[in-house]
Amino acid sequence: MKLVMAIIKPFKLDDVREALSSLGIAGMTVSE
């Protein structure tokens, strides 16, 4: 398992979540 930290603009979060899901990555923690 690897830890990946990213800074993503709020309006792009859904796009990023869908892209990761399509790659089989299900777990994500989001904080502001």
PDB file of N, CA and C in Angstrom:
ATOM      1  N   MET A   1       0.849  -1.175   0.000  1.00  0.00           N
ATOM      2  CA  MET A   1       0.000   0.000   0.000  1.00  0.00           C
ATOM      3  C   MET A   1       0.895   1.239   0.000  1.00  0.00           C
ATOM      4  N   LYS A   2       0.457   2.271  -0.704  1.00  0.00           N
ATOM      5  CA  LYS A   2       1.215   3.527  -0.789  1.00  0.00           C
ATOM      6  C   LYS A   2       0.329   4.682  -0.335  1.00  0.00           C
ATOM      7  N   LEU A   3       0.962   5.695   0.230  1.00  0.00           N
ATOM      8  CA  LEU A   3       0.266   6.915   0.618  1.00  0.00           C
ATOM      9  C   LEU A   3       0.499   7.950  -0.471  1.00  0.00           C
ATOM     10  N   VAL A   4      -0.598   8.488  -1.003  1.00  0.00           N
ATOM     11  CA  VAL A   4      -0.518   9.526  -2.028  1.00  0.00           C
ATOM     12  C   VAL A   4      -1.253  10.747  -1.493  1.00  0.00           C
ATOM     13  N   MET A   5      -0.576  11.884  -1.476  1.00  0.00           N
ATOM     14  CA  MET A   5      -1.205  13.135  -1.052  1.00  0.00           C
ATOM     15  C   MET A   5      -1.277  14.052  -2.263  1.00  0.00           C
ATOM     16  N   ALA A   6      -2.441  14.685  -2.461  1.00  0.00           N
ATOM     17  CA  ALA A   6      -2.615  15.556  -3.623  1.00  0.00           C
ATOM     18  C   ALA A   6      -3.432  16.775  -3.228  1.00  0.00           C
ATOM     19  N   ILE A   7      -3.149  17.880  -3.878  1.00  0.00           N
ATOM     20  CA  ILE A   7      -3.949  19.097  -3.717  1.00  0.00           C
ATOM     21  C   ILE A   7      -4.795  19.222  -4.977  1.00  0.00           C
ATOM     22  N   ILE A   8      -6.118  19.159  -4.789  1.00  0.00           N
ATOM     23  CA  ILE A   8      -7.054  19.149  -5.915  1.00  0.00           C
ATOM     24  C   ILE A   8      -8.086  20.243  -5.684  1.00  0.00           C
ATOM     25  N   LYS A   9      -8.399  20.981  -6.717  1.00  0.00           N
ATOM     26  CA  LYS A   9      -9.430  22.013  -6.603  1.00  0.00           C
ATOM     27  C   LYS A   9     -10.779  21.342  -6.331  1.00  0.00           C
ATOM     28  N   PRO A  10     -11.598  21.949  -5.470  1.00  0.00           N
ATOM     29  CA  PRO A  10     -12.859  21.318  -5.063  1.00  0.00           C
ATOM     30  C   PRO A  10     -13.765  20.913  -6.227  1.00  0.00           C
ATOM     31  N   PHE A  11     -13.821  21.699  -7.281  1.00  0.00           N
ATOM     32  CA  PHE A  11     -14.716  21.367  -8.387  1.00  0.00           C
ATOM     33  C   PHE A  11     -14.206  20.197  -9.229  1.00  0.00           C
ATOM     34  N   LYS A  12     -12.964  19.778  -9.034  1.00  0.00           N
ATOM     35  CA  LYS A  12     -12.401  18.638  -9.766  1.00  0.00           C
ATOM     36  C   LYS A  12     -12.452  17.340  -8.962  1.00  0.00           C
ATOM     37  N   LEU A  13     -12.877  17.412  -7.702  1.00  0.00           N
ATOM     38  CA  LEU A  13     -12.837  16.243  -6.834  1.00  0.00           C
ATOM     39  C   LEU A  13     -13.648  15.076  -7.388  1.00  0.00           C
ATOM     40  N   ASP A  14     -14.852  15.334  -7.884  1.00  0.00           N
ATOM     41  CA  ASP A  14     -15.675  14.248  -8.423  1.00  0.00           C
ATOM     42  C   ASP A  14     -15.013  13.586  -9.626  1.00  0.00           C
ATOM     43  N   ASP A  15     -14.384  14.372 -10.495  1.00  0.00           N
ATOM     44  CA  ASP A  15     -13.687  13.803 -11.653  1.00  0.00           C
ATOM     45  C   ASP A  15     -12.534  12.909 -11.212  1.00  0.00           C
ATOM     46  N   VAL A  16     -11.783  13.362 -10.227  1.00  0.00           N
ATOM     47  CA  VAL A  16     -10.648  12.578  -9.724  1.00  0.00           C
ATOM     48  C   VAL A  16     -11.150  11.300  -9.069  1.00  0.00           C
ATOM     49  N   ARG A  17     -12.207  11.399  -8.284  1.00  0.00           N
ATOM     50  CA  ARG A  17     -12.770  10.222  -7.618  1.00  0.00           C
ATOM     51  C   ARG A  17     -13.243   9.187  -8.639  1.00  0.00           C
ATOM     52  N   GLU A  18     -13.911   9.635  -9.702  1.00  0.00           N
ATOM     53  CA  GLU A  18     -14.374   8.714 -10.744  1.00  0.00           C
ATOM     54  C   GLU A  18     -13.201   8.066 -11.473  1.00  0.00           C
ATOM     55  N   ALA A  19     -12.165   8.837 -11.761  1.00  0.00           N
ATOM     56  CA  ALA A  19     -10.990   8.296 -12.457  1.00  0.00           C
ATOM     57  C   ALA A  19     -10.294   7.243 -11.598  1.00  0.00           C
ATOM     58  N   LEU A  20     -10.125   7.518 -10.307  1.00  0.00           N
ATOM     59  CA  LEU A  20      -9.489   6.542  -9.427  1.00  0.00           C
ATOM     60  C   LEU A  20     -10.354   5.295  -9.283  1.00  0.00           C
ATOM     61  N   SER A  21     -11.658   5.476  -9.213  1.00  0.00           N
ATOM     62  CA  SER A  21     -12.566   4.342  -9.110  1.00  0.00           C
ATOM     63  C   SER A  21     -12.476   3.453 -10.344  1.00  0.00           C
ATOM     64  N   SER A  22     -12.336   4.048 -11.512  1.00  0.00           N
ATOM     65  CA  SER A  22     -12.228   3.263 -12.746  1.00  0.00           C
ATOM     66  C   SER A  22     -10.933   2.458 -12.789  1.00  0.00           C
ATOM     67  N   LEU A  23      -9.938   2.873 -11.987  1.00  0.00           N
ATOM     68  CA  LEU A  23      -8.671   2.141 -11.895  1.00  0.00           C
ATOM     69  C   LEU A  23      -8.693   1.099 -10.777  1.00  0.00           C
ATOM     70  N   GLY A  24      -9.821   1.008 -10.079  1.00  0.00           N
ATOM     71  CA  GLY A  24      -9.946   0.023  -9.011  1.00  0.00           C
ATOM     72  C   GLY A  24      -9.507   0.515  -7.647  1.00  0.00           C
ATOM     73  N   ILE A  25      -9.340   1.822  -7.494  1.00  0.00           N
ATOM     74  CA  ILE A  25      -8.941   2.404  -6.207  1.00  0.00           C
ATOM     75  C   ILE A  25     -10.205   2.891  -5.511  1.00  0.00           C
ATOM     76  N   ALA A  26     -10.539   2.256  -4.377  1.00  0.00           N
ATOM     77  CA  ALA A  26     -11.815   2.537  -3.731  1.00  0.00           C
ATOM     78  C   ALA A  26     -11.686   3.434  -2.500  1.00  0.00           C
ATOM     79  N   GLY A  27     -10.586   3.367  -1.766  1.00  0.00           N
ATOM     80  CA  GLY A  27     -10.474   4.104  -0.513  1.00  0.00           C
ATOM     81  C   GLY A  27      -9.879   5.485  -0.704  1.00  0.00           C
ATOM     82  N   MET A  28     -10.507   6.481  -0.064  1.00  0.00           N
ATOM     83  CA  MET A  28      -9.996   7.845  -0.178  1.00  0.00           C
ATOM     84  C   MET A  28     -10.431   8.633   1.053  1.00  0.00           C
ATOM     85  N   THR A  29      -9.535   9.440   1.571  1.00  0.00           N
ATOM     86  CA  THR A  29      -9.855  10.353   2.660  1.00  0.00           C
ATOM     87  C   THR A  29      -9.683  11.771   2.133  1.00  0.00           C
ATOM     88  N   VAL A  30     -10.701  12.604   2.350  1.00  0.00           N
ATOM     89  CA  VAL A  30     -10.676  13.975   1.843  1.00  0.00           C
ATOM     90  C   VAL A  30     -10.811  14.925   3.024  1.00  0.00           C
ATOM     91  N   SER A  31      -9.981  15.963   3.053  1.00  0.00           N
ATOM     92  CA  SER A  31     -10.103  17.000   4.079  1.00  0.00           C
ATOM     93  C   SER A  31      -9.829  18.355   3.447  1.00  0.00           C
ATOM     94  N   GLU A  32     -10.406  19.373   4.046  1.00  0.00           N
ATOM     95  CA  GLU A  32     -10.214  20.734   3.543  1.00  0.00           C
ATOM     96  C   GLU A  32      -9.373  21.528   4.510  1.00  0.00           C
TER      97      GLU A  32
END
